[in-house]
Amino acid sequence: MVRKLQAQGLSHPAVQQAMQAVERHRFVDSALVGQAYEDTSLPIGLGQTISKPSVVARMAELLSEGRELPLGRVLEIGTGCGYQAAVLSHLSREVYSIERLRGLHEKARENLRWFRLSNVHLLFGDGMLGFERGAPYAGIVAAAGGESLPQAWLDQLAMGGRLVAPARSKGGQQHLVVVDRTPQGLVSKTLDVVNFVPLKSGIA
């Protein structure tokens, strides 16, 4: 899988190592294990999916490139099955990952137990609000996209911190957006077209 990602352009050594270290088959249902290392999103229940490996790698690379690793504290919006949190754990000192669907929160806890990652903290709550108690964050990554980036996320980004998230452009397409907090203010870049599940508020 990592060799395929390299062929697609993944060049960051630490991200390659993180993708190698986290066995994706441990995060999918047993019936889908045969597809675990294909570059495809797969259902994980409750209408949600595990992102393509290439998308997880791309977001991790965007979060990491040009920055000293490990990053400090990172907030993940949308734990899902826990796969991306496990990848981020290899790139940061601490990961806070928040999930609004209790069923997925419990599933991620079960999936991650095998890895014994002492630096990953799973939270059940409304990701649109971020997690103020852990702020400020060196990085924020979102696995769901809305019309715009919630103000709470921007407010919880540390000086020098970076946010990587999907958001809908004026044309209606969803793009990856990278926002850096600099001494001059927030600097935003719009990159690849992506297709993430909708960002929703509240818990369920």
N, C-alpha and C. Protein backbone atom coordinates (compact mmCIF):
# COMPACT_ATOMS: atom_id res chain seq x y z
N MET A 1 0.82 -1.20 0.00
CA MET A 1 0.00 0.00 0.00
C MET A 1 0.86 1.26 0.00
N VAL A 2 1.90 1.26 0.84
CA VAL A 2 2.75 2.45 0.93
C VAL A 2 3.49 2.67 -0.38
N ARG A 3 3.91 1.59 -1.02
CA ARG A 3 4.57 1.74 -2.32
C ARG A 3 3.63 2.38 -3.35
N LYS A 4 2.37 1.99 -3.31
CA LYS A 4 1.38 2.61 -4.21
C LYS A 4 1.23 4.10 -3.89
N LEU A 5 1.21 4.43 -2.59
CA LEU A 5 1.08 5.84 -2.19
C LEU A 5 2.30 6.64 -2.64
N GLN A 6 3.48 6.02 -2.56
CA GLN A 6 4.69 6.69 -3.04
C GLN A 6 4.58 6.95 -4.54
N ALA A 7 4.07 5.97 -5.27
CA ALA A 7 3.90 6.13 -6.72
C ALA A 7 2.92 7.24 -7.05
N GLN A 8 1.97 7.49 -6.13
CA GLN A 8 0.98 8.56 -6.32
C GLN A 8 1.50 9.92 -5.85
N GLY A 9 2.72 9.93 -5.27
CA GLY A 9 3.31 11.22 -4.91
C GLY A 9 3.60 11.42 -3.44
N LEU A 10 3.29 10.45 -2.58
CA LEU A 10 3.59 10.61 -1.15
C LEU A 10 5.11 10.56 -0.96
N SER A 11 5.69 11.65 -0.46
CA SER A 11 7.15 11.72 -0.36
C SER A 11 7.65 11.98 1.05
N HIS A 12 6.76 12.34 1.98
CA HIS A 12 7.20 12.69 3.34
C HIS A 12 7.59 11.41 4.09
N PRO A 13 8.87 11.28 4.50
CA PRO A 13 9.32 10.03 5.13
C PRO A 13 8.55 9.67 6.40
N ALA A 14 8.26 10.64 7.26
CA ALA A 14 7.55 10.34 8.51
C ALA A 14 6.12 9.88 8.25
N VAL A 15 5.49 10.45 7.24
CA VAL A 15 4.12 10.02 6.89
C VAL A 15 4.15 8.62 6.29
N GLN A 16 5.15 8.34 5.46
CA GLN A 16 5.30 6.98 4.92
C GLN A 16 5.44 5.97 6.06
N GLN A 17 6.27 6.30 7.05
CA GLN A 17 6.47 5.40 8.19
C GLN A 17 5.18 5.21 8.99
N ALA A 18 4.43 6.31 9.18
CA ALA A 18 3.17 6.23 9.92
C ALA A 18 2.17 5.34 9.19
N MET A 19 2.07 5.51 7.87
CA MET A 19 1.14 4.69 7.08
C MET A 19 1.56 3.22 7.10
N GLN A 20 2.86 2.98 7.14
CA GLN A 20 3.37 1.61 7.22
C GLN A 20 3.06 0.98 8.57
N ALA A 21 3.14 1.78 9.62
CA ALA A 21 3.01 1.27 10.99
C ALA A 21 1.58 0.90 11.37
N VAL A 22 0.60 1.55 10.74
CA VAL A 22 -0.80 1.37 11.14
C VAL A 22 -1.50 0.41 10.17
N GLU A 23 -1.84 -0.77 10.67
CA GLU A 23 -2.45 -1.81 9.82
C GLU A 23 -3.93 -1.48 9.59
N ARG A 24 -4.25 -1.15 8.36
CA ARG A 24 -5.60 -0.67 8.05
C ARG A 24 -6.65 -1.77 8.23
N HIS A 25 -6.25 -3.04 8.05
CA HIS A 25 -7.25 -4.11 8.13
C HIS A 25 -7.86 -4.22 9.53
N ARG A 26 -7.19 -3.68 10.54
CA ARG A 26 -7.72 -3.74 11.90
C ARG A 26 -8.87 -2.74 12.14
N PHE A 27 -9.15 -1.92 11.13
CA PHE A 27 -10.17 -0.88 11.29
C PHE A 27 -11.40 -1.12 10.42
N VAL A 28 -11.43 -2.23 9.69
CA VAL A 28 -12.59 -2.50 8.83
C VAL A 28 -13.25 -3.81 9.27
N ASP A 29 -14.51 -3.97 8.89
CA ASP A 29 -15.24 -5.20 9.23
C ASP A 29 -14.56 -6.40 8.58
N SER A 30 -14.69 -7.55 9.21
CA SER A 30 -14.00 -8.76 8.73
C SER A 30 -14.36 -9.09 7.28
N ALA A 31 -15.58 -8.79 6.87
CA ALA A 31 -16.00 -9.09 5.49
C ALA A 31 -15.27 -8.23 4.45
N LEU A 32 -14.67 -7.12 4.92
CA LEU A 32 -14.01 -6.19 4.00
C LEU A 32 -12.49 -6.23 4.10
N VAL A 33 -11.97 -7.15 4.90
CA VAL A 33 -10.51 -7.21 5.13
C VAL A 33 -9.74 -7.36 3.81
N GLY A 34 -10.30 -8.10 2.87
CA GLY A 34 -9.64 -8.30 1.57
C GLY A 34 -9.43 -7.01 0.80
N GLN A 35 -10.24 -5.98 1.11
CA GLN A 35 -10.13 -4.69 0.41
C GLN A 35 -9.38 -3.64 1.25
N ALA A 36 -8.89 -4.03 2.43
CA ALA A 36 -8.36 -3.06 3.38
C ALA A 36 -7.19 -2.26 2.84
N TYR A 37 -6.39 -2.87 1.95
CA TYR A 37 -5.19 -2.17 1.47
C TYR A 37 -5.34 -1.63 0.05
N GLU A 38 -6.58 -1.62 -0.43
CA GLU A 38 -6.88 -0.95 -1.70
C GLU A 38 -7.11 0.53 -1.42
N ASP A 39 -6.89 1.36 -2.43
CA ASP A 39 -7.07 2.81 -2.24
C ASP A 39 -8.53 3.17 -2.46
N THR A 40 -9.34 2.75 -1.50
CA THR A 40 -10.78 3.00 -1.61
C THR A 40 -11.34 3.27 -0.22
N SER A 41 -12.41 4.08 -0.16
CA SER A 41 -13.10 4.26 1.11
C SER A 41 -14.03 3.06 1.32
N LEU A 42 -14.25 2.69 2.57
CA LEU A 42 -15.06 1.51 2.89
C LEU A 42 -16.06 1.87 3.98
N PRO A 43 -17.26 1.25 3.97
CA PRO A 43 -18.25 1.56 5.01
C PRO A 43 -17.81 1.05 6.38
N ILE A 44 -18.08 1.85 7.41
CA ILE A 44 -17.75 1.45 8.79
C ILE A 44 -18.99 1.47 9.68
N GLY A 45 -20.17 1.63 9.06
CA GLY A 45 -21.41 1.66 9.83
C GLY A 45 -21.91 3.07 10.08
N LEU A 46 -23.19 3.18 10.42
CA LEU A 46 -23.83 4.46 10.73
C LEU A 46 -23.68 5.49 9.61
N GLY A 47 -23.64 4.99 8.37
CA GLY A 47 -23.57 5.88 7.22
C GLY A 47 -22.22 6.55 7.02
N GLN A 48 -21.19 6.08 7.72
CA GLN A 48 -19.87 6.70 7.64
C GLN A 48 -18.89 5.77 6.93
N THR A 49 -17.73 6.32 6.55
CA THR A 49 -16.73 5.53 5.84
C THR A 49 -15.34 5.76 6.44
N ILE A 50 -14.46 4.80 6.22
CA ILE A 50 -13.03 4.99 6.47
C ILE A 50 -12.47 5.60 5.20
N SER A 51 -11.72 6.69 5.33
CA SER A 51 -11.21 7.40 4.16
C SER A 51 -10.21 6.54 3.38
N LYS A 52 -10.05 6.87 2.10
CA LYS A 52 -9.03 6.22 1.28
C LYS A 52 -7.66 6.42 1.93
N PRO A 53 -6.76 5.43 1.86
CA PRO A 53 -5.40 5.63 2.37
C PRO A 53 -4.72 6.85 1.75
N SER A 54 -4.96 7.08 0.46
CA SER A 54 -4.31 8.22 -0.21
C SER A 54 -4.77 9.55 0.37
N VAL A 55 -6.03 9.62 0.81
CA VAL A 55 -6.56 10.86 1.40
C VAL A 55 -5.99 11.06 2.81
N VAL A 56 -5.94 9.98 3.59
CA VAL A 56 -5.35 10.07 4.94
C VAL A 56 -3.89 10.50 4.84
N ALA A 57 -3.16 9.89 3.90
CA ALA A 57 -1.74 10.23 3.72
C ALA A 57 -1.58 11.68 3.26
N ARG A 58 -2.44 12.10 2.35
CA ARG A 58 -2.36 13.48 1.83
C ARG A 58 -2.59 14.49 2.95
N MET A 59 -3.60 14.25 3.79
CA MET A 59 -3.90 15.19 4.87
C MET A 59 -2.77 15.19 5.91
N ALA A 60 -2.23 14.02 6.20
CA ALA A 60 -1.12 13.93 7.15
C ALA A 60 0.10 14.65 6.60
N GLU A 61 0.33 14.51 5.30
CA GLU A 61 1.48 15.18 4.69
C GLU A 61 1.30 16.70 4.70
N LEU A 62 0.10 17.16 4.38
CA LEU A 62 -0.17 18.60 4.41
C LEU A 62 0.02 19.15 5.82
N LEU A 63 -0.40 18.39 6.82
CA LEU A 63 -0.27 18.82 8.20
C LEU A 63 1.21 18.91 8.62
N SER A 64 2.03 18.01 8.05
CA SER A 64 3.41 17.84 8.51
C SER A 64 4.45 18.60 7.71
N GLU A 65 4.18 18.85 6.43
CA GLU A 65 5.25 19.34 5.56
C GLU A 65 5.76 20.71 6.00
N GLY A 66 7.09 20.82 6.00
CA GLY A 66 7.73 22.08 6.37
C GLY A 66 7.71 22.37 7.85
N ARG A 67 7.36 21.37 8.67
CA ARG A 67 7.23 21.59 10.12
C ARG A 67 8.06 20.57 10.88
N GLU A 68 8.49 20.97 12.06
CA GLU A 68 9.28 20.07 12.90
C GLU A 68 8.38 19.01 13.52
N LEU A 69 8.80 17.76 13.43
CA LEU A 69 8.03 16.65 13.99
C LEU A 69 8.76 16.07 15.19
N PRO A 70 8.06 15.51 16.17
CA PRO A 70 6.60 15.41 16.18
C PRO A 70 5.94 16.76 16.44
N LEU A 71 4.75 16.93 15.88
CA LEU A 71 3.93 18.10 16.19
C LEU A 71 3.53 18.03 17.66
N GLY A 72 3.06 19.13 18.19
CA GLY A 72 2.60 19.13 19.58
C GLY A 72 1.26 18.42 19.70
N ARG A 73 0.26 19.12 20.13
CA ARG A 73 -1.07 18.54 20.32
C ARG A 73 -1.90 18.73 19.05
N VAL A 74 -2.53 17.64 18.59
CA VAL A 74 -3.34 17.68 17.37
C VAL A 74 -4.77 17.28 17.70
N LEU A 75 -5.72 18.00 17.12
CA LEU A 75 -7.15 17.70 17.28
C LEU A 75 -7.68 17.12 15.98
N GLU A 76 -8.32 15.96 16.08
CA GLU A 76 -8.99 15.36 14.92
C GLU A 76 -10.49 15.47 15.11
N ILE A 77 -11.16 16.00 14.10
CA ILE A 77 -12.62 16.12 14.11
C ILE A 77 -13.19 14.95 13.31
N GLY A 78 -13.88 14.04 13.99
CA GLY A 78 -14.45 12.88 13.32
C GLY A 78 -13.55 11.67 13.44
N THR A 79 -13.60 10.99 14.58
CA THR A 79 -12.74 9.83 14.83
C THR A 79 -13.04 8.70 13.85
N GLY A 80 -14.34 8.52 13.53
CA GLY A 80 -14.73 7.39 12.69
C GLY A 80 -14.32 6.09 13.35
N CYS A 81 -13.58 5.25 12.62
CA CYS A 81 -13.15 3.95 13.15
C CYS A 81 -11.82 4.04 13.89
N GLY A 82 -11.18 5.22 13.89
CA GLY A 82 -9.93 5.40 14.62
C GLY A 82 -8.67 5.34 13.78
N TYR A 83 -8.80 5.05 12.48
CA TYR A 83 -7.63 4.83 11.63
C TYR A 83 -6.74 6.07 11.53
N GLN A 84 -7.36 7.21 11.21
CA GLN A 84 -6.56 8.43 11.03
C GLN A 84 -5.93 8.88 12.36
N ALA A 85 -6.64 8.67 13.47
CA ALA A 85 -6.08 9.01 14.78
C ALA A 85 -4.80 8.21 15.04
N ALA A 86 -4.83 6.93 14.64
CA ALA A 86 -3.65 6.08 14.82
C ALA A 86 -2.48 6.58 13.97
N VAL A 87 -2.76 6.99 12.73
CA VAL A 87 -1.71 7.55 11.87
C VAL A 87 -1.15 8.83 12.47
N LEU A 88 -2.03 9.71 12.93
CA LEU A 88 -1.60 10.99 13.52
C LEU A 88 -0.78 10.79 14.79
N SER A 89 -1.03 9.68 15.49
CA SER A 89 -0.30 9.42 16.75
C SER A 89 1.20 9.27 16.51
N HIS A 90 1.58 8.90 15.29
CA HIS A 90 3.00 8.72 14.94
C HIS A 90 3.65 10.04 14.52
N LEU A 91 2.83 11.08 14.36
CA LEU A 91 3.34 12.36 13.86
C LEU A 91 3.23 13.47 14.90
N SER A 92 2.60 13.19 16.04
CA SER A 92 2.34 14.22 17.05
C SER A 92 2.57 13.67 18.45
N ARG A 93 2.78 14.59 19.37
CA ARG A 93 2.99 14.17 20.76
C ARG A 93 1.69 13.69 21.40
N GLU A 94 0.58 14.36 21.02
CA GLU A 94 -0.72 14.02 21.60
C GLU A 94 -1.80 14.21 20.55
N VAL A 95 -2.77 13.30 20.52
CA VAL A 95 -3.91 13.42 19.61
C VAL A 95 -5.19 13.40 20.44
N TYR A 96 -6.01 14.44 20.27
CA TYR A 96 -7.37 14.45 20.79
C TYR A 96 -8.28 14.23 19.60
N SER A 97 -9.09 13.18 19.65
CA SER A 97 -9.96 12.86 18.53
C SER A 97 -11.41 12.80 19.01
N ILE A 98 -12.26 13.59 18.36
CA ILE A 98 -13.65 13.74 18.82
C ILE A 98 -14.63 13.17 17.80
N GLU A 99 -15.62 12.42 18.28
CA GLU A 99 -16.62 11.77 17.42
C GLU A 99 -18.01 12.05 17.98
N ARG A 100 -18.97 12.40 17.09
CA ARG A 100 -20.32 12.75 17.51
C ARG A 100 -21.27 11.55 17.58
N LEU A 101 -20.89 10.42 16.94
CA LEU A 101 -21.73 9.23 16.93
C LEU A 101 -21.21 8.23 17.96
N ARG A 102 -22.02 7.95 18.97
CA ARG A 102 -21.53 7.10 20.07
C ARG A 102 -21.09 5.71 19.58
N GLY A 103 -21.83 5.16 18.62
CA GLY A 103 -21.48 3.84 18.10
C GLY A 103 -20.08 3.80 17.51
N LEU A 104 -19.71 4.86 16.78
CA LEU A 104 -18.37 4.92 16.19
C LEU A 104 -17.32 5.22 17.24
N HIS A 105 -17.65 6.06 18.20
CA HIS A 105 -16.73 6.36 19.30
C HIS A 105 -16.33 5.06 20.01
N GLU A 106 -17.32 4.21 20.27
CA GLU A 106 -17.05 2.93 20.95
C GLU A 106 -16.26 1.98 20.03
N LYS A 107 -16.60 1.99 18.74
CA LYS A 107 -15.90 1.12 17.80
C LYS A 107 -14.42 1.54 17.69
N ALA A 108 -14.16 2.84 17.64
CA ALA A 108 -12.78 3.33 17.56
C ALA A 108 -12.00 2.92 18.81
N ARG A 109 -12.65 3.03 19.96
CA ARG A 109 -11.98 2.65 21.22
C ARG A 109 -11.57 1.17 21.16
N GLU A 110 -12.46 0.34 20.63
CA GLU A 110 -12.18 -1.10 20.51
C GLU A 110 -11.03 -1.34 19.51
N ASN A 111 -11.12 -0.66 18.36
CA ASN A 111 -10.10 -0.84 17.32
C ASN A 111 -8.71 -0.42 17.80
N LEU A 112 -8.65 0.68 18.55
CA LEU A 112 -7.36 1.24 18.95
C LEU A 112 -6.74 0.53 20.14
N ARG A 113 -7.56 -0.25 20.85
CA ARG A 113 -7.05 -0.93 22.05
C ARG A 113 -5.84 -1.80 21.71
N TRP A 114 -5.89 -2.45 20.56
CA TRP A 114 -4.81 -3.36 20.15
C TRP A 114 -3.47 -2.61 20.01
N PHE A 115 -3.53 -1.34 19.58
CA PHE A 115 -2.30 -0.58 19.30
C PHE A 115 -1.65 0.00 20.56
N ARG A 116 -2.42 0.11 21.63
CA ARG A 116 -1.91 0.65 22.91
C ARG A 116 -1.21 1.99 22.72
N LEU A 117 -1.93 2.93 22.14
CA LEU A 117 -1.37 4.25 21.87
C LEU A 117 -1.67 5.17 23.05
N SER A 118 -0.68 5.38 23.87
CA SER A 118 -0.91 6.17 25.09
C SER A 118 -1.11 7.66 24.80
N ASN A 119 -0.78 8.10 23.59
CA ASN A 119 -0.91 9.54 23.28
C ASN A 119 -2.18 9.87 22.52
N VAL A 120 -3.13 8.92 22.41
CA VAL A 120 -4.41 9.19 21.73
C VAL A 120 -5.53 9.24 22.76
N HIS A 121 -6.30 10.33 22.76
CA HIS A 121 -7.41 10.53 23.68
C HIS A 121 -8.70 10.62 22.87
N LEU A 122 -9.61 9.69 23.06
CA LEU A 122 -10.88 9.67 22.32
C LEU A 122 -11.96 10.40 23.11
N LEU A 123 -12.66 11.29 22.43
CA LEU A 123 -13.70 12.12 23.06
C LEU A 123 -15.02 11.90 22.34
N PHE A 124 -16.10 11.86 23.10
CA PHE A 124 -17.44 11.80 22.52
C PHE A 124 -18.05 13.18 22.65
N GLY A 125 -18.37 13.81 21.51
CA GLY A 125 -18.93 15.16 21.57
C GLY A 125 -19.12 15.75 20.19
N ASP A 126 -19.51 17.00 20.16
CA ASP A 126 -19.81 17.73 18.92
C ASP A 126 -18.51 18.33 18.37
N GLY A 127 -18.00 17.72 17.30
CA GLY A 127 -16.73 18.17 16.73
C GLY A 127 -16.76 19.58 16.19
N MET A 128 -17.94 20.10 15.83
CA MET A 128 -18.01 21.46 15.30
C MET A 128 -17.57 22.48 16.34
N LEU A 129 -17.63 22.08 17.62
CA LEU A 129 -17.22 22.98 18.70
C LEU A 129 -15.73 22.83 19.01
N GLY A 130 -15.05 21.87 18.33
CA GLY A 130 -13.67 21.58 18.68
C GLY A 130 -13.60 21.00 20.08
N PHE A 131 -12.48 21.22 20.77
CA PHE A 131 -12.32 20.79 22.16
C PHE A 131 -11.46 21.84 22.86
N GLU A 132 -12.18 22.81 23.43
CA GLU A 132 -11.50 23.99 23.96
C GLU A 132 -10.53 23.66 25.09
N ARG A 133 -10.85 22.63 25.89
CA ARG A 133 -10.00 22.31 27.04
C ARG A 133 -8.60 21.89 26.63
N GLY A 134 -8.46 21.36 25.43
CA GLY A 134 -7.13 20.93 24.96
C GLY A 134 -6.39 21.98 24.15
N ALA A 135 -7.06 23.09 23.82
CA ALA A 135 -6.49 24.13 22.95
C ALA A 135 -5.39 24.91 23.70
N PRO A 136 -4.48 25.54 22.95
CA PRO A 136 -4.42 25.63 21.48
C PRO A 136 -3.73 24.41 20.87
N TYR A 137 -4.02 24.17 19.59
CA TYR A 137 -3.52 22.98 18.89
C TYR A 137 -2.49 23.34 17.83
N ALA A 138 -1.46 22.51 17.75
CA ALA A 138 -0.46 22.66 16.68
C ALA A 138 -1.05 22.25 15.34
N GLY A 139 -2.05 21.38 15.38
CA GLY A 139 -2.70 20.93 14.16
C GLY A 139 -4.14 20.54 14.42
N ILE A 140 -4.99 20.80 13.44
CA ILE A 140 -6.39 20.35 13.48
C ILE A 140 -6.69 19.71 12.13
N VAL A 141 -7.26 18.51 12.16
CA VAL A 141 -7.61 17.77 10.94
C VAL A 141 -9.07 17.38 11.03
N ALA A 142 -9.83 17.61 9.97
CA ALA A 142 -11.25 17.25 9.98
C ALA A 142 -11.54 16.20 8.92
N ALA A 143 -12.36 15.21 9.29
CA ALA A 143 -12.73 14.12 8.39
C ALA A 143 -14.16 14.28 7.87
N ALA A 144 -14.68 15.50 7.94
CA ALA A 144 -16.01 15.81 7.40
C ALA A 144 -16.01 17.26 6.94
N GLY A 145 -16.81 17.56 5.95
CA GLY A 145 -16.77 18.90 5.37
C GLY A 145 -18.10 19.61 5.39
N GLY A 146 -18.07 20.90 5.71
CA GLY A 146 -19.27 21.73 5.70
C GLY A 146 -19.16 22.85 4.69
N GLU A 147 -20.07 23.81 4.80
CA GLU A 147 -20.06 24.96 3.90
C GLU A 147 -18.87 25.85 4.17
N SER A 148 -18.45 25.90 5.43
CA SER A 148 -17.31 26.74 5.80
C SER A 148 -16.64 26.11 7.02
N LEU A 149 -15.49 26.64 7.40
CA LEU A 149 -14.77 26.12 8.56
C LEU A 149 -15.34 26.74 9.83
N PRO A 150 -15.74 25.94 10.81
CA PRO A 150 -16.29 26.50 12.05
C PRO A 150 -15.30 27.45 12.74
N GLN A 151 -15.81 28.55 13.24
CA GLN A 151 -14.97 29.54 13.91
C GLN A 151 -14.24 28.94 15.11
N ALA A 152 -14.89 27.98 15.79
CA ALA A 152 -14.26 27.36 16.96
C ALA A 152 -12.92 26.72 16.60
N TRP A 153 -12.86 26.10 15.42
CA TRP A 153 -11.60 25.46 15.02
C TRP A 153 -10.50 26.50 14.84
N LEU A 154 -10.84 27.58 14.16
CA LEU A 154 -9.85 28.64 13.90
C LEU A 154 -9.39 29.26 15.22
N ASP A 155 -10.34 29.43 16.14
CA ASP A 155 -10.01 30.03 17.44
C ASP A 155 -9.08 29.13 18.26
N GLN A 156 -9.18 27.83 18.05
CA GLN A 156 -8.40 26.87 18.87
C GLN A 156 -7.05 26.51 18.24
N LEU A 157 -6.72 27.15 17.13
CA LEU A 157 -5.45 26.89 16.45
C LEU A 157 -4.34 27.73 17.09
N ALA A 158 -3.24 27.08 17.45
CA ALA A 158 -2.12 27.79 18.08
C ALA A 158 -1.41 28.69 17.07
N MET A 159 -0.66 29.66 17.58
CA MET A 159 0.23 30.43 16.70
C MET A 159 1.22 29.46 16.06
N GLY A 160 1.35 29.51 14.75
CA GLY A 160 2.19 28.56 14.04
C GLY A 160 1.49 27.25 13.73
N GLY A 161 0.22 27.13 14.18
CA GLY A 161 -0.54 25.90 13.96
C GLY A 161 -1.14 25.84 12.56
N ARG A 162 -1.58 24.65 12.20
CA ARG A 162 -2.13 24.44 10.85
C ARG A 162 -3.38 23.59 10.91
N LEU A 163 -4.38 24.00 10.13
CA LEU A 163 -5.65 23.27 10.03
C LEU A 163 -5.76 22.69 8.61
N VAL A 164 -6.15 21.42 8.52
CA VAL A 164 -6.38 20.77 7.22
C VAL A 164 -7.78 20.19 7.25
N ALA A 165 -8.66 20.66 6.36
CA ALA A 165 -10.06 20.23 6.41
C ALA A 165 -10.72 20.42 5.05
N PRO A 166 -11.74 19.62 4.77
CA PRO A 166 -12.53 19.86 3.56
C PRO A 166 -13.55 20.97 3.81
N ALA A 167 -13.81 21.75 2.78
CA ALA A 167 -14.86 22.78 2.86
C ALA A 167 -15.41 23.01 1.45
N ARG A 168 -16.66 23.43 1.38
CA ARG A 168 -17.30 23.62 0.08
C ARG A 168 -16.96 25.00 -0.47
N SER A 169 -16.59 25.03 -1.75
CA SER A 169 -16.27 26.30 -2.40
C SER A 169 -17.54 26.93 -2.94
N LYS A 170 -17.41 28.15 -3.47
CA LYS A 170 -18.58 28.86 -4.01
C LYS A 170 -19.23 28.08 -5.16
N GLY A 171 -18.41 27.32 -5.88
CA GLY A 171 -18.94 26.53 -7.00
C GLY A 171 -19.66 25.27 -6.57
N GLY A 172 -19.65 24.98 -5.26
CA GLY A 172 -20.35 23.80 -4.75
C GLY A 172 -19.49 22.57 -4.58
N GLN A 173 -18.26 22.62 -5.12
CA GLN A 173 -17.36 21.48 -4.95
C GLN A 173 -16.69 21.53 -3.58
N GLN A 174 -16.31 20.36 -3.10
CA GLN A 174 -15.60 20.27 -1.82
C GLN A 174 -14.09 20.23 -2.12
N HIS A 175 -13.34 21.04 -1.41
CA HIS A 175 -11.89 21.08 -1.59
C HIS A 175 -11.21 20.92 -0.24
N LEU A 176 -9.97 20.42 -0.27
CA LEU A 176 -9.14 20.47 0.94
C LEU A 176 -8.65 21.90 1.11
N VAL A 177 -8.78 22.39 2.33
CA VAL A 177 -8.32 23.74 2.66
C VAL A 177 -7.25 23.63 3.74
N VAL A 178 -6.17 24.38 3.58
CA VAL A 178 -5.10 24.43 4.59
C VAL A 178 -5.04 25.86 5.12
N VAL A 179 -5.13 25.98 6.44
CA VAL A 179 -5.08 27.31 7.08
C VAL A 179 -3.93 27.32 8.09
N ASP A 180 -3.03 28.29 7.94
CA ASP A 180 -1.93 28.48 8.89
C ASP A 180 -2.19 29.73 9.71
N ARG A 181 -1.96 29.64 11.03
CA ARG A 181 -2.03 30.83 11.87
C ARG A 181 -0.63 31.44 11.97
N THR A 182 -0.46 32.62 11.41
CA THR A 182 0.83 33.30 11.38
C THR A 182 0.72 34.58 12.21
N PRO A 183 1.86 35.21 12.55
CA PRO A 183 1.80 36.49 13.27
C PRO A 183 1.01 37.55 12.50
N GLN A 184 0.91 37.39 11.17
CA GLN A 184 0.15 38.37 10.35
C GLN A 184 -1.34 38.01 10.26
N GLY A 185 -1.72 36.86 10.83
CA GLY A 185 -3.11 36.43 10.76
C GLY A 185 -3.24 35.06 10.11
N LEU A 186 -4.46 34.70 9.73
CA LEU A 186 -4.73 33.39 9.13
C LEU A 186 -4.44 33.43 7.63
N VAL A 187 -3.69 32.44 7.16
CA VAL A 187 -3.36 32.34 5.73
C VAL A 187 -3.96 31.03 5.22
N SER A 188 -4.80 31.13 4.19
CA SER A 188 -5.57 29.98 3.72
C SER A 188 -5.20 29.61 2.28
N LYS A 189 -5.12 28.30 2.00
CA LYS A 189 -4.90 27.78 0.65
C LYS A 189 -5.99 26.77 0.34
N THR A 190 -6.52 26.81 -0.88
CA THR A 190 -7.50 25.83 -1.34
C THR A 190 -6.82 24.89 -2.31
N LEU A 191 -6.92 23.58 -2.04
CA LEU A 191 -6.18 22.59 -2.82
C LEU A 191 -7.11 21.60 -3.51
N ASP A 192 -6.84 20.30 -3.34
CA ASP A 192 -7.48 19.22 -4.10
C ASP A 192 -9.01 19.18 -3.92
N VAL A 193 -9.69 18.75 -4.98
CA VAL A 193 -11.12 18.42 -4.89
C VAL A 193 -11.24 17.09 -4.14
N VAL A 194 -12.14 17.04 -3.15
CA VAL A 194 -12.32 15.84 -2.33
C VAL A 194 -13.81 15.56 -2.16
N ASN A 195 -14.12 14.43 -1.52
CA ASN A 195 -15.53 14.08 -1.30
C ASN A 195 -15.68 13.43 0.07
N PHE A 196 -15.86 14.25 1.10
CA PHE A 196 -16.01 13.76 2.47
C PHE A 196 -17.48 13.75 2.87
N VAL A 197 -17.79 12.99 3.92
CA VAL A 197 -19.15 13.00 4.46
C VAL A 197 -19.45 14.39 5.01
N PRO A 198 -20.74 14.77 5.07
CA PRO A 198 -21.10 16.10 5.54
C PRO A 198 -20.75 16.31 7.01
N LEU A 199 -20.30 17.51 7.33
CA LEU A 199 -20.06 17.91 8.71
C LEU A 199 -21.41 18.21 9.38
N LYS A 200 -21.65 17.60 10.53
CA LYS A 200 -22.92 17.81 11.24
C LYS A 200 -22.66 18.21 12.69
N SER A 201 -23.61 18.92 13.26
CA SER A 201 -23.48 19.33 14.65
C SER A 201 -24.26 18.37 15.55
N GLY A 202 -24.04 18.49 16.86
CA GLY A 202 -24.78 17.67 17.81
C GLY A 202 -24.16 16.29 17.96
N ILE A 203 -24.77 15.50 18.85
CA ILE A 203 -24.30 14.13 19.09
C ILE A 203 -25.45 13.16 18.84
N ALA A 204 -25.11 11.92 18.59
CA ALA A 204 -26.16 10.91 18.29
C ALA A 204 -25.69 9.53 18.73
